[in-house]
All heavy atoms as atom14 arrays in JSON, in Angstrom:
{
  "sequence": "RMGFLSPRDPAWLSTLDAMDAELVSDSLVYRYDPAAAP",
  "atom14_mask": [
    [1, 1, 1, 1, 1, 1, 1, 1, 1, 1, 1, 0, 0, 0],
    [1, 1, 1, 1, 1, 1, 1, 1, 0, 0, 0, 0, 0, 0],
    [1, 1, 1, 1, 0, 0, 0, 0, 0, 0, 0, 0, 0, 0],
    [1, 1, 1, 1, 1, 1, 1, 1, 1, 1, 1, 0, 0, 0],
    [1, 1, 1, 1, 1, 1, 1, 1, 0, 0, 0, 0, 0, 0],
    [1, 1, 1, 1, 1, 1, 0, 0, 0, 0, 0, 0, 0, 0],
    [1, 1, 1, 1, 1, 1, 1, 0, 0, 0, 0, 0, 0, 0],
    [1, 1, 1, 1, 1, 1, 1, 1, 1, 1, 1, 0, 0, 0],
    [1, 1, 1, 1, 1, 1, 1, 1, 0, 0, 0, 0, 0, 0],
    [1, 1, 1, 1, 1, 1, 1, 0, 0, 0, 0, 0, 0, 0],
    [1, 1, 1, 1, 1, 0, 0, 0, 0, 0, 0, 0, 0, 0],
    [1, 1, 1, 1, 1, 1, 1, 1, 1, 1, 1, 1, 1, 1],
    [1, 1, 1, 1, 1, 1, 1, 1, 0, 0, 0, 0, 0, 0],
    [1, 1, 1, 1, 1, 1, 0, 0, 0, 0, 0, 0, 0, 0],
    [1, 1, 1, 1, 1, 1, 1, 0, 0, 0, 0, 0, 0, 0],
    [1, 1, 1, 1, 1, 1, 1, 1, 0, 0, 0, 0, 0, 0],
    [1, 1, 1, 1, 1, 1, 1, 1, 0, 0, 0, 0, 0, 0],
    [1, 1, 1, 1, 1, 0, 0, 0, 0, 0, 0, 0, 0, 0],
    [1, 1, 1, 1, 1, 1, 1, 1, 0, 0, 0, 0, 0, 0],
    [1, 1, 1, 1, 1, 1, 1, 1, 0, 0, 0, 0, 0, 0],
    [1, 1, 1, 1, 1, 0, 0, 0, 0, 0, 0, 0, 0, 0],
    [1, 1, 1, 1, 1, 1, 1, 1, 1, 0, 0, 0, 0, 0],
    [1, 1, 1, 1, 1, 1, 1, 1, 0, 0, 0, 0, 0, 0],
    [1, 1, 1, 1, 1, 1, 1, 0, 0, 0, 0, 0, 0, 0],
    [1, 1, 1, 1, 1, 1, 0, 0, 0, 0, 0, 0, 0, 0],
    [1, 1, 1, 1, 1, 1, 1, 1, 0, 0, 0, 0, 0, 0],
    [1, 1, 1, 1, 1, 1, 0, 0, 0, 0, 0, 0, 0, 0],
    [1, 1, 1, 1, 1, 1, 1, 1, 0, 0, 0, 0, 0, 0],
    [1, 1, 1, 1, 1, 1, 1, 0, 0, 0, 0, 0, 0, 0],
    [1, 1, 1, 1, 1, 1, 1, 1, 1, 1, 1, 1, 0, 0],
    [1, 1, 1, 1, 1, 1, 1, 1, 1, 1, 1, 0, 0, 0],
    [1, 1, 1, 1, 1, 1, 1, 1, 1, 1, 1, 1, 0, 0],
    [1, 1, 1, 1, 1, 1, 1, 1, 0, 0, 0, 0, 0, 0],
    [1, 1, 1, 1, 1, 1, 1, 0, 0, 0, 0, 0, 0, 0],
    [1, 1, 1, 1, 1, 0, 0, 0, 0, 0, 0, 0, 0, 0],
    [1, 1, 1, 1, 1, 0, 0, 0, 0, 0, 0, 0, 0, 0],
    [1, 1, 1, 1, 1, 0, 0, 0, 0, 0, 0, 0, 0, 0],
    [1, 1, 1, 1, 1, 1, 1, 0, 0, 0, 0, 0, 0, 0]
  ],
  "atom14_positions": [
    [[145.8, 35.53, 169.65], [146.23, 34.95, 170.92], [146.81, 33.55, 170.73], [147.78, 33.17, 171.39], [145.08, 34.89, 171.92], [145.6, 34.48, 173.31], [144.6, 33.66, 174.11], [143.56, 34.49, 174.71], [142.73, 34.02, 175.63], [142.81, 32.76, 176.03], [141.78, 34.8, 176.12], [0.0, 0.0, 0.0], [0.0, 0.0, 0.0], [0.0, 0.0, 0.0]],
    [[146.23, 32.8, 169.83], [146.7, 31.43, 169.6], [147.96, 31.37, 168.75], [148.52, 30.3, 168.55], [145.59, 30.61, 168.96], [144.41, 30.35, 169.89], [144.94, 29.48, 171.39], [143.47, 29.64, 172.41], [0.0, 0.0, 0.0], [0.0, 0.0, 0.0], [0.0, 0.0, 0.0], [0.0, 0.0, 0.0], [0.0, 0.0, 0.0], [0.0, 0.0, 0.0]],
    [[148.42, 32.53, 168.25], [149.67, 32.56, 167.52], [149.57, 32.21, 166.06], [150.6, 31.99, 165.4], [0.0, 0.0, 0.0], [0.0, 0.0, 0.0], [0.0, 0.0, 0.0], [0.0, 0.0, 0.0], [0.0, 0.0, 0.0], [0.0, 0.0, 0.0], [0.0, 0.0, 0.0], [0.0, 0.0, 0.0], [0.0, 0.0, 0.0], [0.0, 0.0, 0.0]],
    [[148.35, 32.17, 165.52], [148.2, 31.82, 164.1], [148.73, 32.94, 163.21], [149.27, 32.69, 162.13], [146.73, 31.54, 163.79], [146.49, 31.1, 162.38], [146.69, 29.77, 162.02], [146.06, 31.99, 161.41], [146.48, 29.36, 160.71], [145.84, 31.59, 160.11], [146.05, 30.26, 159.75], [0.0, 0.0, 0.0], [0.0, 0.0, 0.0], [0.0, 0.0, 0.0]],
    [[148.55, 34.18, 163.64], [149.07, 35.32, 162.91], [149.37, 36.45, 163.88], [148.98, 36.42, 165.05], [148.09, 35.78, 161.82], [146.58, 35.89, 162.09], [146.24, 36.85, 163.19], [145.85, 36.26, 160.82], [0.0, 0.0, 0.0], [0.0, 0.0, 0.0], [0.0, 0.0, 0.0], [0.0, 0.0, 0.0], [0.0, 0.0, 0.0], [0.0, 0.0, 0.0]],
    [[150.1, 37.42, 163.41], [150.44, 38.57, 164.24], [149.22, 39.48, 164.4], [148.44, 39.65, 163.45], [151.58, 39.35, 163.59], [151.69, 40.65, 164.15], [0.0, 0.0, 0.0], [0.0, 0.0, 0.0], [0.0, 0.0, 0.0], [0.0, 0.0, 0.0], [0.0, 0.0, 0.0], [0.0, 0.0, 0.0], [0.0, 0.0, 0.0], [0.0, 0.0, 0.0]],
    [[149.05, 40.09, 165.56], [147.92, 41.03, 165.72], [148.07, 42.29, 164.88], [147.12, 43.07, 164.77], [147.95, 41.35, 167.22], [149.34, 41.06, 167.66], [149.8, 39.92, 166.81], [0.0, 0.0, 0.0], [0.0, 0.0, 0.0], [0.0, 0.0, 0.0], [0.0, 0.0, 0.0], [0.0, 0.0, 0.0], [0.0, 0.0, 0.0], [0.0, 0.0, 0.0]],
    [[149.23, 42.48, 164.25], [149.44, 43.62, 163.34], [149.41, 43.2, 161.88], [149.65, 44.03, 161.0], [150.77, 44.3, 163.67], [150.91, 44.81, 165.1], [149.89, 45.89, 165.43], [150.07, 46.43, 166.78], [150.77, 47.52, 167.06], [151.36, 48.19, 166.08], [150.88, 47.95, 168.3], [0.0, 0.0, 0.0], [0.0, 0.0, 0.0], [0.0, 0.0, 0.0]],
    [[149.15, 41.93, 161.62], [149.08, 41.45, 160.24], [147.94, 42.18, 159.51], [146.83, 42.28, 160.03], [148.82, 39.94, 160.25], [148.97, 39.3, 158.87], [148.27, 39.74, 157.94], [149.78, 38.37, 158.74], [0.0, 0.0, 0.0], [0.0, 0.0, 0.0], [0.0, 0.0, 0.0], [0.0, 0.0, 0.0], [0.0, 0.0, 0.0], [0.0, 0.0, 0.0]],
    [[148.18, 42.68, 158.3], [147.11, 43.37, 157.57], [145.85, 42.52, 157.4], [144.73, 43.06, 157.46], [147.76, 43.69, 156.22], [149.22, 43.77, 156.52], [149.48, 42.75, 157.59], [0.0, 0.0, 0.0], [0.0, 0.0, 0.0], [0.0, 0.0, 0.0], [0.0, 0.0, 0.0], [0.0, 0.0, 0.0], [0.0, 0.0, 0.0], [0.0, 0.0, 0.0]],
    [[146.02, 41.2, 157.21], [144.84, 40.33, 157.07], [144.03, 40.31, 158.36], [142.8, 40.24, 158.33], [145.27, 38.92, 156.69], [0.0, 0.0, 0.0], [0.0, 0.0, 0.0], [0.0, 0.0, 0.0], [0.0, 0.0, 0.0], [0.0, 0.0, 0.0], [0.0, 0.0, 0.0], [0.0, 0.0, 0.0], [0.0, 0.0, 0.0], [0.0, 0.0, 0.0]],
    [[144.73, 40.38, 159.49], [144.01, 40.4, 160.75], [143.34, 41.74, 161.0], [142.19, 41.82, 161.44], [144.91, 40.04, 161.93], [144.19, 40.25, 163.22], [144.44, 41.16, 164.18], [143.01, 39.54, 163.65], [143.5, 41.07, 165.19], [142.62, 40.09, 164.88], [142.26, 38.51, 163.09], [141.51, 39.63, 165.58], [141.15, 38.05, 163.79], [140.79, 38.61, 165.02]],
    [[144.04, 42.82, 160.71], [143.48, 44.15, 160.94], [142.23, 44.37, 160.09], [141.25, 44.97, 160.55], [144.53, 45.22, 160.65], [145.73, 45.23, 161.61], [146.74, 46.28, 161.18], [145.28, 45.47, 163.05], [0.0, 0.0, 0.0], [0.0, 0.0, 0.0], [0.0, 0.0, 0.0], [0.0, 0.0, 0.0], [0.0, 0.0, 0.0], [0.0, 0.0, 0.0]],
    [[142.23, 43.86, 158.86], [141.03, 44.01, 158.04], [139.91, 43.11, 158.54], [138.72, 43.47, 158.45], [141.35, 43.71, 156.58], [141.75, 42.36, 156.4], [0.0, 0.0, 0.0], [0.0, 0.0, 0.0], [0.0, 0.0, 0.0], [0.0, 0.0, 0.0], [0.0, 0.0, 0.0], [0.0, 0.0, 0.0], [0.0, 0.0, 0.0], [0.0, 0.0, 0.0]],
    [[140.25, 41.93, 159.1], [139.23, 41.08, 159.72], [138.61, 41.78, 160.92], [137.39, 41.78, 161.11], [139.84, 39.74, 160.16], [140.36, 39.06, 159.01], [138.81, 38.86, 160.84], [0.0, 0.0, 0.0], [0.0, 0.0, 0.0], [0.0, 0.0, 0.0], [0.0, 0.0, 0.0], [0.0, 0.0, 0.0], [0.0, 0.0, 0.0], [0.0, 0.0, 0.0]],
    [[139.46, 42.41, 161.72], [138.98, 43.14, 162.9], [138.08, 44.29, 162.48], [137.03, 44.55, 163.1], [140.18, 43.64, 163.71], [139.93, 44.16, 165.12], [139.22, 43.11, 165.98], [141.24, 44.57, 165.77], [0.0, 0.0, 0.0], [0.0, 0.0, 0.0], [0.0, 0.0, 0.0], [0.0, 0.0, 0.0], [0.0, 0.0, 0.0], [0.0, 0.0, 0.0]],
    [[138.44, 44.97, 161.4], [137.6, 46.06, 160.9], [136.23, 45.54, 160.45], [135.2, 46.18, 160.7], [138.3, 46.77, 159.74], [139.49, 47.6, 160.18], [139.54, 47.96, 161.36], [140.37, 47.87, 159.33], [0.0, 0.0, 0.0], [0.0, 0.0, 0.0], [0.0, 0.0, 0.0], [0.0, 0.0, 0.0], [0.0, 0.0, 0.0], [0.0, 0.0, 0.0]],
    [[136.23, 44.39, 159.77], [134.96, 43.83, 159.3], [134.07, 43.43, 160.47], [132.86, 43.69, 160.46], [135.24, 42.61, 158.41], [0.0, 0.0, 0.0], [0.0, 0.0, 0.0], [0.0, 0.0, 0.0], [0.0, 0.0, 0.0], [0.0, 0.0, 0.0], [0.0, 0.0, 0.0], [0.0, 0.0, 0.0], [0.0, 0.0, 0.0], [0.0, 0.0, 0.0]],
    [[134.66, 42.83, 161.49], [133.88, 42.49, 162.69], [133.35, 43.74, 163.36], [132.19, 43.78, 163.8], [134.75, 41.69, 163.67], [135.11, 40.3, 163.23], [135.98, 39.43, 164.56], [136.45, 37.91, 163.75], [0.0, 0.0, 0.0], [0.0, 0.0, 0.0], [0.0, 0.0, 0.0], [0.0, 0.0, 0.0], [0.0, 0.0, 0.0], [0.0, 0.0, 0.0]],
    [[134.18, 44.76, 163.43], [133.77, 46.0, 164.08], [132.55, 46.6, 163.38], [131.65, 47.15, 164.03], [134.94, 46.98, 164.07], [134.67, 48.21, 164.92], [134.5, 48.06, 166.14], [134.59, 49.32, 164.36], [0.0, 0.0, 0.0], [0.0, 0.0, 0.0], [0.0, 0.0, 0.0], [0.0, 0.0, 0.0], [0.0, 0.0, 0.0], [0.0, 0.0, 0.0]],
    [[132.51, 46.47, 162.07], [131.41, 47.05, 161.31], [130.13, 46.24, 161.39], [129.03, 46.79, 161.32], [131.83, 47.21, 159.84], [0.0, 0.0, 0.0], [0.0, 0.0, 0.0], [0.0, 0.0, 0.0], [0.0, 0.0, 0.0], [0.0, 0.0, 0.0], [0.0, 0.0, 0.0], [0.0, 0.0, 0.0], [0.0, 0.0, 0.0], [0.0, 0.0, 0.0]],
    [[130.24, 44.91, 161.58], [129.06, 44.06, 161.47], [128.64, 43.4, 162.78], [127.44, 43.23, 163.04], [129.33, 42.97, 160.44], [128.14, 42.06, 160.17], [128.36, 41.15, 158.99], [128.67, 41.68, 157.9], [128.25, 39.92, 159.15], [0.0, 0.0, 0.0], [0.0, 0.0, 0.0], [0.0, 0.0, 0.0], [0.0, 0.0, 0.0], [0.0, 0.0, 0.0]],
    [[129.58, 42.99, 163.63], [129.25, 42.22, 164.83], [129.28, 43.05, 166.11], [128.81, 42.58, 167.14], [130.23, 41.05, 164.98], [130.22, 40.0, 163.87], [131.2, 38.87, 164.21], [128.83, 39.43, 163.66], [0.0, 0.0, 0.0], [0.0, 0.0, 0.0], [0.0, 0.0, 0.0], [0.0, 0.0, 0.0], [0.0, 0.0, 0.0], [0.0, 0.0, 0.0]],
    [[129.83, 44.25, 166.05], [130.01, 45.06, 167.26], [128.93, 46.13, 167.33], [128.67, 46.85, 166.37], [131.41, 45.71, 167.28], [131.58, 46.55, 168.55], [132.5, 44.64, 167.19], [0.0, 0.0, 0.0], [0.0, 0.0, 0.0], [0.0, 0.0, 0.0], [0.0, 0.0, 0.0], [0.0, 0.0, 0.0], [0.0, 0.0, 0.0], [0.0, 0.0, 0.0]],
    [[128.3, 46.2, 168.52], [127.27, 47.21, 168.77], [127.61, 47.91, 170.08], [127.45, 47.33, 171.17], [125.89, 46.55, 168.86], [124.9, 47.49, 169.23], [0.0, 0.0, 0.0], [0.0, 0.0, 0.0], [0.0, 0.0, 0.0], [0.0, 0.0, 0.0], [0.0, 0.0, 0.0], [0.0, 0.0, 0.0], [0.0, 0.0, 0.0], [0.0, 0.0, 0.0]],
    [[128.13, 49.13, 169.98], [128.49, 49.89, 171.17], [129.43, 49.09, 172.06], [129.24, 48.97, 173.27], [127.25, 50.32, 171.94], [127.56, 51.33, 173.03], [128.5, 52.13, 172.85], [126.87, 51.32, 174.08], [0.0, 0.0, 0.0], [0.0, 0.0, 0.0], [0.0, 0.0, 0.0], [0.0, 0.0, 0.0], [0.0, 0.0, 0.0], [0.0, 0.0, 0.0]],
    [[130.45, 48.49, 171.45], [131.49, 47.69, 172.11], [131.02, 46.3, 172.53], [131.82, 45.51, 173.03], [132.09, 48.42, 173.33], [132.67, 49.64, 172.95], [0.0, 0.0, 0.0], [0.0, 0.0, 0.0], [0.0, 0.0, 0.0], [0.0, 0.0, 0.0], [0.0, 0.0, 0.0], [0.0, 0.0, 0.0], [0.0, 0.0, 0.0], [0.0, 0.0, 0.0]],
    [[129.74, 45.99, 172.39], [129.24, 44.65, 172.66], [129.28, 43.84, 171.36], [129.01, 44.37, 170.29], [127.81, 44.7, 173.2], [127.63, 45.46, 174.52], [126.16, 45.52, 174.89], [128.43, 44.81, 175.64], [0.0, 0.0, 0.0], [0.0, 0.0, 0.0], [0.0, 0.0, 0.0], [0.0, 0.0, 0.0], [0.0, 0.0, 0.0], [0.0, 0.0, 0.0]],
    [[129.6, 42.56, 171.47], [129.9, 41.75, 170.29], [128.95, 40.56, 170.18], [128.79, 39.79, 171.14], [131.37, 41.26, 170.32], [131.69, 40.48, 169.04], [132.32, 42.44, 170.47], [0.0, 0.0, 0.0], [0.0, 0.0, 0.0], [0.0, 0.0, 0.0], [0.0, 0.0, 0.0], [0.0, 0.0, 0.0], [0.0, 0.0, 0.0], [0.0, 0.0, 0.0]],
    [[128.34, 40.42, 169.01], [127.54, 39.23, 168.69], [128.46, 38.11, 168.22], [129.5, 38.36, 167.6], [126.53, 39.54, 167.59], [125.42, 40.47, 168.01], [125.53, 41.85, 167.8], [124.27, 39.98, 168.62], [124.51, 42.71, 168.19], [123.25, 40.83, 168.99], [123.37, 42.19, 168.79], [122.35, 43.04, 169.17], [0.0, 0.0, 0.0], [0.0, 0.0, 0.0]],
    [[128.07, 36.87, 168.5], [128.87, 35.74, 168.04], [128.89, 35.66, 166.52], [129.93, 35.45, 165.9], [128.33, 34.42, 168.61], [128.43, 34.32, 170.12], [128.03, 32.96, 170.61], [126.6, 32.69, 170.46], [126.02, 31.55, 170.83], [126.75, 30.58, 171.35], [124.72, 31.38, 170.69], [0.0, 0.0, 0.0], [0.0, 0.0, 0.0], [0.0, 0.0, 0.0]],
    [[127.73, 35.79, 165.92], [127.54, 35.74, 164.48], [126.12, 36.22, 164.22], [125.36, 36.5, 165.16], [127.75, 34.32, 163.94], [126.87, 33.27, 164.61], [125.62, 32.93, 164.11], [127.3, 32.62, 165.77], [124.81, 32.0, 164.73], [126.5, 31.69, 166.42], [125.26, 31.38, 165.89], [124.45, 30.45, 166.53], [0.0, 0.0, 0.0], [0.0, 0.0, 0.0]],
    [[125.74, 36.3, 162.98], [124.39, 36.73, 162.62], [123.57, 35.5, 162.26], [123.75, 34.92, 161.19], [124.45, 37.69, 161.43], [123.07, 38.18, 161.01], [122.08, 37.8, 161.65], [123.01, 38.94, 160.03], [0.0, 0.0, 0.0], [0.0, 0.0, 0.0], [0.0, 0.0, 0.0], [0.0, 0.0, 0.0], [0.0, 0.0, 0.0], [0.0, 0.0, 0.0]],
    [[122.63, 35.06, 163.14], [121.84, 33.85, 162.84], [121.01, 33.99, 161.56], [120.71, 32.98, 160.92], [120.95, 33.7, 164.08], [121.63, 34.46, 165.16], [122.32, 35.6, 164.48], [0.0, 0.0, 0.0], [0.0, 0.0, 0.0], [0.0, 0.0, 0.0], [0.0, 0.0, 0.0], [0.0, 0.0, 0.0], [0.0, 0.0, 0.0], [0.0, 0.0, 0.0]],
    [[120.65, 35.2, 161.2], [119.88, 35.37, 159.97], [120.72, 35.06, 158.74], [120.23, 34.49, 157.76], [119.34, 36.8, 159.89], [0.0, 0.0, 0.0], [0.0, 0.0, 0.0], [0.0, 0.0, 0.0], [0.0, 0.0, 0.0], [0.0, 0.0, 0.0], [0.0, 0.0, 0.0], [0.0, 0.0, 0.0], [0.0, 0.0, 0.0], [0.0, 0.0, 0.0]],
    [[122.01, 35.4, 158.8], [122.9, 35.12, 157.68], [123.45, 33.71, 157.73], [123.84, 33.15, 156.7], [124.05, 36.14, 157.68], [0.0, 0.0, 0.0], [0.0, 0.0, 0.0], [0.0, 0.0, 0.0], [0.0, 0.0, 0.0], [0.0, 0.0, 0.0], [0.0, 0.0, 0.0], [0.0, 0.0, 0.0], [0.0, 0.0, 0.0], [0.0, 0.0, 0.0]],
    [[123.5, 33.14, 158.94], [124.04, 31.79, 159.1], [123.08, 31.0, 159.97], [123.28, 30.86, 161.18], [125.42, 31.84, 159.76], [0.0, 0.0, 0.0], [0.0, 0.0, 0.0], [0.0, 0.0, 0.0], [0.0, 0.0, 0.0], [0.0, 0.0, 0.0], [0.0, 0.0, 0.0], [0.0, 0.0, 0.0], [0.0, 0.0, 0.0], [0.0, 0.0, 0.0]],
    [[121.99, 30.46, 159.4], [120.99, 29.72, 160.19], [121.64, 28.61, 161.01], [122.48, 27.86, 160.51], [120.06, 29.16, 159.11], [120.22, 30.09, 157.96], [121.65, 30.52, 157.97], [0.0, 0.0, 0.0], [0.0, 0.0, 0.0], [0.0, 0.0, 0.0], [0.0, 0.0, 0.0], [0.0, 0.0, 0.0], [0.0, 0.0, 0.0], [0.0, 0.0, 0.0]]
  ]
}
């Protein structure tokens, strides 16, 4: 949204995939993992 990269950029799509696997739970999204980042 801020224009840093295209929403179709491969680097962004892989970032989105990583978030989907780790931060997303049934479409709900955690900010980060406090256990991994105290």
